[in-house]
C-alpha atoms as a PDB file:
ATOM      1  CA  MET A   1       0.000   0.000   0.000  1.00  0.00           C
ATOM      2  CA  ALA A   2       1.172   3.525  -0.742  1.00  0.00           C
ATOM      3  CA  ILE A   3       0.951   5.865   2.215  1.00  0.00           C
ATOM      4  CA  GLU A   4       1.813   9.352   3.312  1.00  0.00           C
ATOM      5  CA  THR A   5       3.859   9.610   6.501  1.00  0.00           C
ATOM      6  CA  GLN A   6       1.822  10.912   9.412  1.00  0.00           C
ATOM      7  CA  SER A   7       2.602  11.751  13.032  1.00  0.00           C
ATOM      8  CA  PRO A   8       0.102   9.723  15.055  1.00  0.00           C
ATOM      9  CA  ALA A   9       0.188   9.288  18.819  1.00  0.00           C
ATOM     10  CA  PHE A  10       2.412   6.397  19.874  1.00  0.00           C
ATOM     11  CA  ALA A  11       2.561   4.446  23.088  1.00  0.00           C
ATOM     12  CA  PRO A  12       6.190   4.279  24.234  1.00  0.00           C
ATOM     13  CA  SER A  13       7.721   1.006  23.067  1.00  0.00           C
ATOM     14  CA  PRO A  14      11.204  -0.080  21.989  1.00  0.00           C
ATOM     15  CA  TYR A  15      12.100   0.175  18.346  1.00  0.00           C
ATOM     16  CA  ARG A  16      15.649  -0.969  17.689  1.00  0.00           C
ATOM     17  CA  LEU A  17      16.992  -0.179  14.241  1.00  0.00           C
ATOM     18  CA  ALA A  18      20.135  -1.511  12.594  1.00  0.00           C
ATOM     19  CA  CYS A  19      21.313  -0.070   9.271  1.00  0.00           C
ATOM     20  CA  VAL A  20      23.243  -1.487   6.324  1.00  0.00           C
ATOM     21  CA  VAL A  21      24.801   0.782   3.694  1.00  0.00           C
ATOM     22  CA  LEU A  22      25.719  -1.111   0.526  1.00  0.00           C
ATOM     23  CA  ALA A  23      29.016   0.181  -0.885  1.00  0.00           C
ATOM     24  CA  GLY A  24      30.572  -2.953  -2.335  1.00  0.00           C
ATOM     25  CA  GLY A  25      30.173  -2.456  -6.069  1.00  0.00           C
ATOM     26  CA  GLN A  26      33.097  -2.068  -8.438  1.00  0.00           C
ATOM     27  CA  SER A  27      31.796   1.087 -10.200  1.00  0.00           C
ATOM     28  CA  GLN A  28      32.596  -0.469 -13.571  1.00  0.00           C
ATOM     29  CA  ARG A  29      30.327   1.874 -15.522  1.00  0.00           C
ATOM     30  CA  TYR A  30      31.725   4.909 -13.730  1.00  0.00           C
ATOM     31  CA  GLY A  31      35.290   4.106 -14.731  1.00  0.00           C
ATOM     32  CA  GLY A  32      36.685   4.508 -11.222  1.00  0.00           C
ATOM     33  CA  ASN A  33      35.590   4.697  -7.604  1.00  0.00           C
ATOM     34  CA  LYS A  34      32.353   6.672  -7.806  1.00  0.00           C
ATOM     35  CA  LEU A  35      32.027   6.633  -4.023  1.00  0.00           C
ATOM     36  CA  LEU A  36      34.965   9.043  -3.801  1.00  0.00           C
ATOM     37  CA  SER A  37      33.593  11.447  -6.435  1.00  0.00           C
ATOM     38  CA  LEU A  38      32.856  14.832  -4.877  1.00  0.00           C
ATOM     39  CA  HIS A  39      29.248  15.661  -4.143  1.00  0.00           C
ATOM     40  CA  PRO A  40      28.481  19.019  -5.827  1.00  0.00           C
ATOM     41  CA  VAL A  41      26.621  20.390  -2.797  1.00  0.00           C
ATOM     42  CA  SER A  42      28.669  19.258   0.202  1.00  0.00           C
ATOM     43  CA  GLN A  43      32.002  18.930  -1.622  1.00  0.00           C
ATOM     44  CA  GLN A  44      32.494  15.670   0.279  1.00  0.00           C
ATOM     45  CA  PRO A  45      33.091  12.217  -1.181  1.00  0.00           C
ATOM     46  CA  LEU A  46      29.761  10.719  -2.207  1.00  0.00           C
ATOM     47  CA  ILE A  47      30.002   7.915   0.365  1.00  0.00           C
ATOM     48  CA  VAL A  48      30.688  10.454   3.128  1.00  0.00           C
ATOM     49  CA  HIS A  49      27.775  12.630   2.045  1.00  0.00           C
ATOM     50  CA  SER A  50      25.346   9.707   1.843  1.00  0.00           C
ATOM     51  CA  THR A  51      26.325   8.156   5.179  1.00  0.00           C
ATOM     52  CA  ARG A  52      26.141  11.546   6.890  1.00  0.00           C
ATOM     53  CA  ALA A  53      22.553  11.832   5.659  1.00  0.00           C
ATOM     54  CA  LEU A  54      21.769   8.522   7.356  1.00  0.00           C
ATOM     55  CA  LEU A  55      23.619   9.462  10.537  1.00  0.00           C
ATOM     56  CA  GLY A  56      21.702  12.736  10.625  1.00  0.00           C
ATOM     57  CA  ALA A  57      18.485  10.760  11.108  1.00  0.00           C
ATOM     58  CA  MET A  58      20.042   9.109  14.151  1.00  0.00           C
ATOM     59  CA  THR A  59      21.209  12.147  16.108  1.00  0.00           C
ATOM     60  CA  THR A  60      18.521  11.841  18.785  1.00  0.00           C
ATOM     61  CA  LYS A  61      17.279   8.898  20.804  1.00  0.00           C
ATOM     62  CA  HIS A  62      13.720   9.749  19.779  1.00  0.00           C
ATOM     63  CA  ASN A  63      12.450  10.210  16.269  1.00  0.00           C
ATOM     64  CA  THR A  64      11.459  13.870  16.019  1.00  0.00           C
ATOM     65  CA  LEU A  65       8.540  12.915  13.752  1.00  0.00           C
ATOM     66  CA  ASN A  66       7.171  10.585  16.460  1.00  0.00           C
ATOM     67  CA  PRO A  67       8.451  11.990  19.776  1.00  0.00           C
ATOM     68  CA  LEU A  68       6.680   9.402  21.945  1.00  0.00           C
ATOM     69  CA  GLN A  69       8.286   6.458  20.228  1.00  0.00           C
ATOM     70  CA  GLN A  70      11.479   5.293  21.893  1.00  0.00           C
ATOM     71  CA  LEU A  71      14.179   4.812  19.249  1.00  0.00           C
ATOM     72  CA  CYS A  72      17.357   2.800  19.689  1.00  0.00           C
ATOM     73  CA  MET A  73      19.841   2.888  16.820  1.00  0.00           C
ATOM     74  CA  PHE A  74      22.762   0.532  16.340  1.00  0.00           C
ATOM     75  CA  THR A  75      26.014   1.599  14.698  1.00  0.00           C
ATOM     76  CA  PRO A  76      25.406   1.518  10.926  1.00  0.00           C
ATOM     77  CA  VAL A  77      27.270  -1.139   8.944  1.00  0.00           C
ATOM     78  CA  VAL A  78      28.887  -0.105   5.657  1.00  0.00           C
ATOM     79  CA  VAL A  79      29.585  -3.091   3.410  1.00  0.00           C
ATOM     80  CA  THR A  80      32.544  -2.544   1.086  1.00  0.00           C
ATOM     81  CA  GLY A  81      34.128  -4.535  -1.719  1.00  0.00           C
ATOM     82  CA  LYS A  82      36.678  -3.695  -4.395  1.00  0.00           C
ATOM     83  CA  TRP A  83      37.284  -0.183  -3.032  1.00  0.00           C
ATOM     84  CA  HIS A  84      37.464  -1.200   0.629  1.00  0.00           C
ATOM     85  CA  ASP A  85      40.741   0.537   1.467  1.00  0.00           C
ATOM     86  CA  SER A  86      39.884   3.950   0.012  1.00  0.00           C
ATOM     87  CA  VAL A  87      36.309   3.902   1.328  1.00  0.00           C
ATOM     88  CA  SER A  88      37.524   2.926   4.798  1.00  0.00           C
ATOM     89  CA  VAL A  89      39.922   5.876   4.842  1.00  0.00           C
ATOM     90  CA  ALA A  90      37.183   8.266   3.714  1.00  0.00           C
ATOM     91  CA  LEU A  91      34.852   7.080   6.498  1.00  0.00           C
ATOM     92  CA  GLN A  92      37.362   6.687   9.297  1.00  0.00           C
ATOM     93  CA  SER A  93      36.176   9.753  11.242  1.00  0.00           C
ATOM     94  CA  LEU A  94      32.506   8.719  11.233  1.00  0.00           C
ATOM     95  CA  PRO A  95      30.776   6.406  13.767  1.00  0.00           C
ATOM     96  CA  LEU A  96      30.358   3.519  11.339  1.00  0.00           C
ATOM     97  CA  ASP A  97      31.274  -0.159  11.202  1.00  0.00           C
ATOM     98  CA  VAL A  98      33.039  -0.686   7.863  1.00  0.00           C
ATOM     99  CA  THR A  99      32.924  -4.357   6.863  1.00  0.00           C
ATOM    100  CA  TYR A 100      34.685  -5.923   3.882  1.00  0.00           C
ATOM    101  CA  ASN A 101      32.688  -8.387   1.781  1.00  0.00           C
ATOM    102  CA  PRO A 102      35.156 -10.899   0.305  1.00  0.00           C
ATOM    103  CA  GLN A 103      32.424 -12.080  -2.105  1.00  0.00           C
ATOM    104  CA  TRP A 104      31.733  -8.615  -3.531  1.00  0.00           C
ATOM    105  CA  GLN A 105      32.210  -9.838  -7.102  1.00  0.00           C
ATOM    106  CA  GLU A 106      29.085 -11.997  -6.765  1.00  0.00           C
ATOM    107  CA  GLY A 107      26.872  -8.902  -6.665  1.00  0.00           C
ATOM    108  CA  ILE A 108      24.511  -7.000  -4.410  1.00  0.00           C
ATOM    109  CA  GLY A 109      22.959 -10.143  -2.960  1.00  0.00           C
ATOM    110  CA  ALA A 110      26.284 -11.045  -1.390  1.00  0.00           C
ATOM    111  CA  SER A 111      26.639  -7.528   0.047  1.00  0.00           C
ATOM    112  CA  ILE A 112      23.208  -7.766   1.669  1.00  0.00           C
ATOM    113  CA  ARG A 113      24.067 -11.140   3.182  1.00  0.00           C
ATOM    114  CA  CYS A 114      27.374  -9.773   4.471  1.00  0.00           C
ATOM    115  CA  GLY A 115      25.607  -6.812   6.069  1.00  0.00           C
ATOM    116  CA  ILE A 116      23.003  -8.979   7.806  1.00  0.00           C
ATOM    117  CA  HIS A 117      25.690 -11.364   9.081  1.00  0.00           C
ATOM    118  CA  ARG A 118      27.664  -8.409  10.471  1.00  0.00           C
ATOM    119  CA  ILE A 119      24.554  -7.063  12.212  1.00  0.00           C
ATOM    120  CA  ASN A 120      24.069 -10.458  13.826  1.00  0.00           C
ATOM    121  CA  GLN A 121      27.681 -10.395  15.011  1.00  0.00           C
ATOM    122  CA  LEU A 122      27.337  -6.922  16.500  1.00  0.00           C
ATOM    123  CA  ALA A 123      23.987  -7.758  18.086  1.00  0.00           C
ATOM    124  CA  GLY A 124      25.613 -10.715  19.836  1.00  0.00           C
ATOM    125  CA  ALA A 125      27.620  -8.260  21.912  1.00  0.00           C
ATOM    126  CA  GLU A 126      24.469  -6.387  22.990  1.00  0.00           C
ATOM    127  CA  GLU A 127      21.845  -7.316  25.552  1.00  0.00           C
ATOM    128  CA  VAL A 128      19.138  -7.101  22.895  1.00  0.00           C
ATOM    129  CA  GLY A 129      19.266  -7.157  19.124  1.00  0.00           C
ATOM    130  CA  PRO A 130      17.517  -5.002  16.528  1.00  0.00           C
ATOM    131  CA  THR A 131      13.826  -5.270  15.769  1.00  0.00           C
ATOM    132  CA  HIS A 132      14.269  -3.829  12.259  1.00  0.00           C
ATOM    133  CA  VAL A 133      16.974  -3.428   9.617  1.00  0.00           C
ATOM    134  CA  LEU A 134      17.250  -0.492   7.208  1.00  0.00           C
ATOM    135  CA  ILE A 135      19.055  -1.198   3.927  1.00  0.00           C
ATOM    136  CA  THR A 136      20.237   1.661   1.747  1.00  0.00           C
ATOM    137  CA  LEU A 137      22.789   2.401  -0.966  1.00  0.00           C
ATOM    138  CA  GLY A 138      26.000   4.354  -0.654  1.00  0.00           C
ATOM    139  CA  ASP A 139      25.555   6.168  -3.962  1.00  0.00           C
ATOM    140  CA  LEU A 140      22.218   7.918  -3.387  1.00  0.00           C
ATOM    141  CA  ALA A 141      23.149  11.536  -3.983  1.00  0.00           C
ATOM    142  CA  LEU A 142      19.834  13.196  -3.055  1.00  0.00           C
ATOM    143  CA  MET A 143      18.716  11.285   0.034  1.00  0.00           C
ATOM    144  CA  GLN A 144      18.503  13.498   3.107  1.00  0.00           C
ATOM    145  CA  SER A 145      18.157  12.902   6.837  1.00  0.00           C
ATOM    146  CA  ASP A 146      14.480  13.891   6.673  1.00  0.00           C
ATOM    147  CA  ASP A 147      13.898  11.186   4.058  1.00  0.00           C
ATOM    148  CA  TYR A 148      15.275   8.516   6.345  1.00  0.00           C
ATOM    149  CA  GLN A 149      13.243   9.857   9.256  1.00  0.00           C
ATOM    150  CA  GLN A 150      10.102   9.508   7.152  1.00  0.00           C
ATOM    151  CA  LEU A 151      10.915   5.851   6.527  1.00  0.00           C
ATOM    152  CA  ILE A 152      11.650   5.282  10.209  1.00  0.00           C
ATOM    153  CA  ALA A 153       8.443   7.014  11.316  1.00  0.00           C
ATOM    154  CA  THR A 154       6.398   4.893   8.928  1.00  0.00           C
ATOM    155  CA  SER A 155       8.085   1.711  10.121  1.00  0.00           C
ATOM    156  CA  GLN A 156       7.340   2.642  13.717  1.00  0.00           C
ATOM    157  CA  HIS A 157       3.696   3.113  12.806  1.00  0.00           C
ATOM    158  CA  HIS A 158       3.588  -0.188  10.836  1.00  0.00           C
ATOM    159  CA  PRO A 159       6.208  -2.353  12.610  1.00  0.00           C
ATOM    160  CA  GLU A 160       5.055  -5.621  11.011  1.00  0.00           C
ATOM    161  CA  HIS A 161       5.376  -4.255   7.468  1.00  0.00           C
ATOM    162  CA  ILE A 162       8.312  -3.801   5.143  1.00  0.00           C
ATOM    163  CA  VAL A 163       8.604  -0.064   4.509  1.00  0.00           C
ATOM    164  CA  CYS A 164      10.163   0.806   1.167  1.00  0.00           C
ATOM    165  CA  SER A 165      10.773   3.848  -1.026  1.00  0.00           C
ATOM    166  CA  ARG A 166       8.454   4.582  -3.941  1.00  0.00           C
ATOM    167  CA  TRP A 167       9.478   6.640  -6.965  1.00  0.00           C
ATOM    168  CA  HIS A 168       8.799   7.015 -10.669  1.00  0.00           C
ATOM    169  CA  ASN A 169      11.401   6.214 -13.313  1.00  0.00           C
ATOM    170  CA  VAL A 170      10.580   8.463 -16.265  1.00  0.00           C
ATOM    171  CA  SER A 171      12.155   7.626 -19.631  1.00  0.00           C
ATOM    172  CA  THR A 172      12.863  10.502 -22.017  1.00  0.00           C
ATOM    173  CA  GLY A 173      14.808   9.171 -24.988  1.00  0.00           C
ATOM    174  CA  ASN A 174      18.276   8.155 -23.900  1.00  0.00           C
ATOM    175  CA  SER A 175      18.100   9.888 -20.549  1.00  0.00           C
ATOM    176  CA  THR A 176      16.015   9.731 -17.390  1.00  0.00           C
ATOM    177  CA  ALA A 177      14.296  12.695 -15.818  1.00  0.00           C
ATOM    178  CA  ILE A 178      12.144  13.256 -12.753  1.00  0.00           C
ATOM    179  CA  LYS A 179      10.096  16.339 -11.952  1.00  0.00           C
ATOM    180  CA  GLN A 180       9.387  16.681  -8.252  1.00  0.00           C
ATOM    181  CA  ASP A 181       6.829  18.707  -6.338  1.00  0.00           C
ATOM    182  CA  ARG A 182       9.134  19.952  -3.594  1.00  0.00           C
ATOM    183  CA  ASP A 183       6.328  20.913  -1.208  1.00  0.00           C
ATOM    184  CA  HIS A 184       4.610  17.539  -1.196  1.00  0.00           C
ATOM    185  CA  GLY A 185       7.285  15.100  -2.302  1.00  0.00           C
ATOM    186  CA  ASN A 186       5.192  13.934  -5.240  1.00  0.00           C
ATOM    187  CA  VAL A 187       6.581  13.024  -8.629  1.00  0.00           C
ATOM    188  CA  LYS A 188       5.080  14.801 -11.639  1.00  0.00           C
ATOM    189  CA  VAL A 189       5.146  12.712 -14.804  1.00  0.00           C
ATOM    190  CA  PRO A 190       4.827  14.738 -18.044  1.00  0.00           C
ATOM    191  CA  GLU A 191       2.032  13.685 -20.400  1.00  0.00           C
ATOM    192  CA  GLY A 192       3.049  11.247 -23.106  1.00  0.00           C
ATOM    193  CA  ILE A 193       6.018   9.959 -21.115  1.00  0.00           C
ATOM    194  CA  ASN A 194       6.219   6.353 -19.961  1.00  0.00           C
ATOM    195  CA  ALA A 195       6.901   5.909 -16.276  1.00  0.00           C
ATOM    196  CA  GLN A 196       7.714   2.887 -14.155  1.00  0.00           C
ATOM    197  CA  VAL A 197       7.033   2.915 -10.434  1.00  0.00           C
ATOM    198  CA  GLY A 198       9.917   1.692  -8.317  1.00  0.00           C
ATOM    199  CA  ALA A 199       9.403   0.163  -4.884  1.00  0.00           C
ATOM    200  CA  ALA A 200      12.794  -0.648  -3.460  1.00  0.00           C
ATOM    201  CA  VAL A 201      15.539   0.439  -1.095  1.00  0.00           C
ATOM    202  CA  PRO A 202      16.061   2.444   0.958  1.00  0.00           C
ATOM    203  CA  ALA A 203      13.769   0.117   2.864  1.00  0.00           C
ATOM    204  CA  ILE A 204      13.222  -1.076   6.413  1.00  0.00           C
ATOM    205  CA  PHE A 205      12.648  -4.767   7.103  1.00  0.00           C
ATOM    206  CA  PRO A 206      11.262  -6.354  10.277  1.00  0.00           C
ATOM    207  CA  ILE A 207      13.916  -8.626  11.685  1.00  0.00           C
ATOM    208  CA  GLN A 208      11.905 -11.748  10.775  1.00  0.00           C
ATOM    209  CA  ASP A 209      12.401 -10.911   7.079  1.00  0.00           C
ATOM    210  CA  CYS A 210      16.186 -11.124   7.385  1.00  0.00           C
ATOM    211  CA  ALA A 211      16.049 -14.888   6.858  1.00  0.00           C
ATOM    212  CA  GLN A 212      14.841 -14.218   3.305  1.00  0.00           C
ATOM    213  CA  LEU A 213      17.487 -11.540   2.773  1.00  0.00           C
ATOM    214  CA  LEU A 214      20.121 -14.102   3.699  1.00  0.00           C
ATOM    215  CA  GLN A 215      18.876 -16.309   0.843  1.00  0.00           C
ATOM    216  CA  LEU A 216      19.646 -13.687  -1.836  1.00  0.00           C
ATOM    217  CA  THR A 217      22.331 -14.621  -4.349  1.00  0.00           C
ATOM    218  CA  GLY A 218      24.102 -13.046  -7.292  1.00  0.00           C
ATOM    219  CA  ASP A 219      23.313  -9.536  -8.420  1.00  0.00           C
ATOM    220  CA  VAL A 220      19.780  -9.638  -7.016  1.00  0.00           C
ATOM    221  CA  GLY A 221      18.806  -7.059  -4.418  1.00  0.00           C
ATOM    222  CA  ALA A 222      15.944  -6.936  -1.943  1.00  0.00           C
ATOM    223  CA  LYS A 223      13.147  -6.462  -4.519  1.00  0.00           C
ATOM    224  CA  PRO A 224      12.064 -10.148  -4.502  1.00  0.00           C
ATOM    225  CA  VAL A 225      11.591 -10.003  -0.725  1.00  0.00           C
ATOM    226  CA  ILE A 226       9.592  -6.782  -1.027  1.00  0.00           C
ATOM    227  CA  LYS A 227       7.503  -8.205  -3.887  1.00  0.00           C
ATOM    228  CA  LYS A 228       6.610 -11.318  -1.909  1.00  0.00           C
ATOM    229  CA  ALA A 229       5.593  -9.300   1.142  1.00  0.00           C
ATOM    230  CA  LYS A 230       3.568  -6.924  -1.045  1.00  0.00           C
ATOM    231  CA  ALA A 231       1.573  -9.847  -2.423  1.00  0.00           C
ATOM    232  CA  ASN A 232       0.661 -10.625   1.179  1.00  0.00           C
ATOM    233  CA  GLY A 233      -0.393  -7.050   1.920  1.00  0.00           C
ATOM    234  CA  ARG A 234       2.593  -6.435   4.161  1.00  0.00           C
ATOM    235  CA  VAL A 235       4.387  -3.538   2.431  1.00  0.00           C
ATOM    236  CA  CYS A 236       4.101   0.209   3.006  1.00  0.00           C
ATOM    237  CA  GLU A 237       5.416   2.385   0.182  1.00  0.00           C
ATOM    238  CA  VAL A 238       6.577   5.865   1.145  1.00  0.00           C
ATOM    239  CA  PRO A 239       6.796   8.453  -1.684  1.00  0.00           C
ATOM    240  CA  MET A 240      10.536   9.066  -1.931  1.00  0.00           C
ATOM    241  CA  PRO A 241      11.637  10.851  -5.155  1.00  0.00           C
ATOM    242  CA  HIS A 242      15.146  11.324  -3.758  1.00  0.00           C
ATOM    243  CA  ALA A 243      15.672   7.558  -3.757  1.00  0.00           C
ATOM    244  CA  ARG A 244      15.690   7.534  -7.567  1.00  0.00           C
ATOM    245  CA  TYR A 245      19.031   9.309  -7.930  1.00  0.00           C
ATOM    246  CA  ASP A 246      21.893   6.864  -7.668  1.00  0.00           C
ATOM    247  CA  ILE A 247      25.184   7.573  -9.395  1.00  0.00           C
ATOM    248  CA  ASP A 248      26.264   4.962 -11.969  1.00  0.00           C
ATOM    249  CA  ILE A 249      28.103   7.019 -14.607  1.00  0.00           C
ATOM    250  CA  PRO A 250      29.712  10.481 -14.460  1.00  0.00           C
ATOM    251  CA  GLU A 251      26.827  11.938 -16.507  1.00  0.00           C
ATOM    252  CA  ASP A 252      24.414  11.043 -13.697  1.00  0.00           C
ATOM    253  CA  TRP A 253      25.716  14.070 -11.830  1.00  0.00           C
ATOM    254  CA  ASP A 254      24.046  16.200 -14.523  1.00  0.00           C
ATOM    255  CA  GLN A 255      20.681  14.608 -13.739  1.00  0.00           C
ATOM    256  CA  PHE A 256      21.397  15.136 -10.053  1.00  0.00           C
ATOM    257  CA  ARG A 257      21.892  18.867 -10.600  1.00  0.00           C
ATOM    258  CA  ILE A 258      18.611  19.094 -12.528  1.00  0.00           C
ATOM    259  CA  ALA A 259      16.773  17.344  -9.690  1.00  0.00           C
ATOM    260  CA  ALA A 260      18.510  19.390  -6.999  1.00  0.00           C
ATOM    261  CA  ASP A 261      17.464  22.613  -8.772  1.00  0.00           C
ATOM    262  CA  GLY A 262      13.868  21.404  -8.947  1.00  0.00           C
ATOM    263  CA  ARG A 263      13.743  21.694 -12.761  1.00  0.00           C
END
C-alpha cells in the first residue's frame, strides 16, 4: 500500500533499528571509484555525504517525527568490496562499522548477506538485538536525513510491514528525468512519457524478514523479498523521489543537478 507519513500518537515502546549501507560495487560503468567522487553540494566524497545523511536521522534517541516512540539505533554497517581501502579511509572519522565483503564480485545479494551477518555479530555483543533493519545504498546523492526519518516514522507506525521507497522512473529518450513537487514530495510525470514505479531500497525490514534476505544470491537485491511481502499485503510504500538518484556514470551528476534545482 502507498501511504503518506503521518505523526500519530504512539505508546512508548522499543524500536531498535540496525542499518546497512551497501558500498561494495566495483563502479565499472563509472570508470573509477564513484564513491569518492565529490558531491556538488557538500564537496564531500559521495560515500561520506550519503552516510552523513543517514547518521543525521540518528542524532537523537527519539524520532522527532514521532516523539513518543522510543528509538534505539545501532552503529550503521557499511559493506565494502573492491574499493574497501579507500572507502575505509574516507569514512574513518565517522561512527560507522566498515565491513569488507570478500564475495563482492558476486553482486549485491552477497553484500546484503554480508551486512546482515555483520549485524548479527554486533547484536551478539548487545543485551538485545535489533527489531528492524534499514538497507540503503551508498551512492544515493539526493537522500537526506528527513527522508530517512520519514521511513523510520512509517516503520514505527507499521512495525510488522516492510517499509520501502516509492518513486517514478521516467524515460525521455536516452536519458532519465524526474520532476518533483518539492512541497509535497510527489513526482510529476509529463504527459506522453512512460513511467515505471519503483518500490525498493532504501527500505526497512522487520527482523523476521532477514532470513529471506540471507537467501539472496548473485546480483539480485531486496526487490524479490519486497515483492513477496507486497503480495501478502505487508508492504508500506513511502513516496521518496530522492531515492531515484543513484550515481552509476559520471553523466548522472548532470541529472542530479537538474533534480537538486527542482527543474
